[in-house]
Amino acid sequence: MEIFLTVASIVSGFLSAASWLKASVVKISREEEVSRRKGEAEKKGVKPNLAGVTLDGWDMSGTFRIQAKWNSIAAILAAVTISLQAVVKVLQNI
């Protein structure tokens, strides 16, 4: 049981690191963000808000949105990692 939890902790730790790495490099182009906004507005039957700020061709709000998603995934996986390590320690002391 301890081996399984330790391996699971290692795997979730690597996945957490990979998610943070992805968050650091992911970018959304202006065209992708405009397309996403038009699609969402069409689903809701409203006029799309196409206002935005670009930097080197990347849409800032879209990039921040996707980075936040990857950062959230990484943080959850980091919490799983430390929780598994704590359980292993408790089991070792029983």
Protein backbone atom coordinates (compact mmCIF):
# COMPACT_ATOMS: atom_id res chain seq x y z
CA MET A 1 0.00 0.00 0.00
CA GLU A 2 2.78 2.46 0.88
CA ILE A 3 4.57 1.72 -2.39
CA PHE A 4 1.40 2.41 -4.37
CA LEU A 5 0.83 5.72 -2.55
CA THR A 6 4.46 6.73 -3.00
CA VAL A 7 4.34 6.00 -6.73
CA ALA A 8 1.04 7.88 -7.01
CA SER A 9 2.64 10.82 -5.19
CA ILE A 10 5.59 10.83 -7.58
CA VAL A 11 3.31 10.65 -10.62
CA SER A 12 1.08 13.47 -9.39
CA GLY A 13 4.19 15.53 -8.58
CA PHE A 14 5.50 15.14 -12.12
CA LEU A 15 2.07 15.95 -13.55
CA SER A 16 1.94 19.05 -11.36
CA ALA A 17 5.34 20.18 -12.61
CA ALA A 18 4.29 19.51 -16.22
CA SER A 19 1.11 21.54 -15.71
CA TRP A 20 3.07 24.49 -14.34
CA LEU A 21 5.48 24.22 -17.25
CA LYS A 22 2.53 24.22 -19.67
CA ALA A 23 1.08 27.28 -17.88
CA SER A 24 4.35 29.12 -18.37
CA VAL A 25 4.41 28.68 -22.14
CA VAL A 26 0.78 28.47 -23.28
CA LYS A 27 -0.45 31.37 -25.40
CA ILE A 28 -3.73 32.18 -27.13
CA SER A 29 -3.64 34.07 -30.41
CA ARG A 30 -5.99 36.99 -31.00
CA GLU A 31 -7.76 34.99 -33.71
CA GLU A 32 -8.37 32.03 -31.37
CA GLU A 33 -9.78 34.30 -28.66
CA VAL A 34 -12.06 36.17 -31.05
CA SER A 35 -13.34 32.86 -32.40
CA ARG A 36 -13.98 31.56 -28.85
CA ARG A 37 -15.81 34.74 -27.86
CA LYS A 38 -17.97 34.70 -30.99
CA GLY A 39 -18.87 31.06 -30.32
CA GLU A 40 -19.83 31.73 -26.71
CA ALA A 41 -21.86 34.80 -27.66
CA GLU A 42 -23.67 32.82 -30.36
CA LYS A 43 -24.60 30.12 -27.84
CA LYS A 44 -26.01 32.76 -25.49
CA GLY A 45 -27.66 34.77 -28.27
CA VAL A 46 -25.83 37.98 -27.41
CA LYS A 47 -23.42 40.28 -29.19
CA PRO A 48 -19.77 39.24 -28.60
CA ASN A 49 -17.40 41.51 -26.70
CA LEU A 50 -14.40 41.65 -29.01
CA ALA A 51 -12.39 44.18 -27.01
CA GLY A 52 -8.91 43.00 -26.12
CA VAL A 53 -5.25 43.72 -25.71
CA THR A 54 -2.59 41.95 -27.74
CA LEU A 55 1.12 41.63 -27.21
CA ASP A 56 3.25 40.16 -29.98
CA GLY A 57 0.11 38.69 -31.54
CA TRP A 58 -1.07 36.99 -28.34
CA ASP A 59 -4.37 37.94 -26.74
CA MET A 60 -3.65 38.89 -23.14
CA SER A 61 -7.01 38.01 -21.56
CA GLY A 62 -7.21 34.69 -23.41
CA THR A 63 -3.64 33.85 -22.44
CA PHE A 64 -4.30 34.76 -18.80
CA ARG A 65 -7.45 32.63 -18.84
CA ILE A 66 -5.71 29.52 -20.16
CA GLN A 67 -2.70 30.05 -17.88
CA ALA A 68 -5.04 30.26 -14.88
CA LYS A 69 -6.61 26.96 -15.92
CA TRP A 70 -3.21 25.21 -16.08
CA ASN A 71 -2.06 26.84 -12.82
CA SER A 72 -5.21 25.55 -11.09
CA ILE A 73 -4.61 22.03 -12.37
CA ALA A 74 -1.00 22.20 -11.18
CA ALA A 75 -1.99 23.44 -7.73
CA ILE A 76 -4.56 20.66 -7.29
CA LEU A 77 -1.99 18.06 -8.33
CA ALA A 78 0.56 19.55 -5.90
CA ALA A 79 -2.03 19.27 -3.11
CA VAL A 80 -2.65 15.64 -4.05
CA THR A 81 1.11 15.02 -4.01
CA ILE A 82 1.64 16.37 -0.52
CA SER A 83 -1.50 14.67 0.79
CA LEU A 84 -0.29 11.31 -0.49
CA GLN A 85 3.11 11.89 1.10
CA ALA A 86 1.43 12.72 4.42
CA VAL A 87 -0.65 9.53 4.27
CA VAL A 88 2.46 7.47 3.59
CA LYS A 89 4.19 9.02 6.63
CA VAL A 90 1.16 8.28 8.84
CA LEU A 91 1.05 4.68 7.61
CA GLN A 92 4.76 4.26 8.31
CA ASN A 93 4.23 5.36 11.93
CA ILE A 94 1.33 3.00 12.63
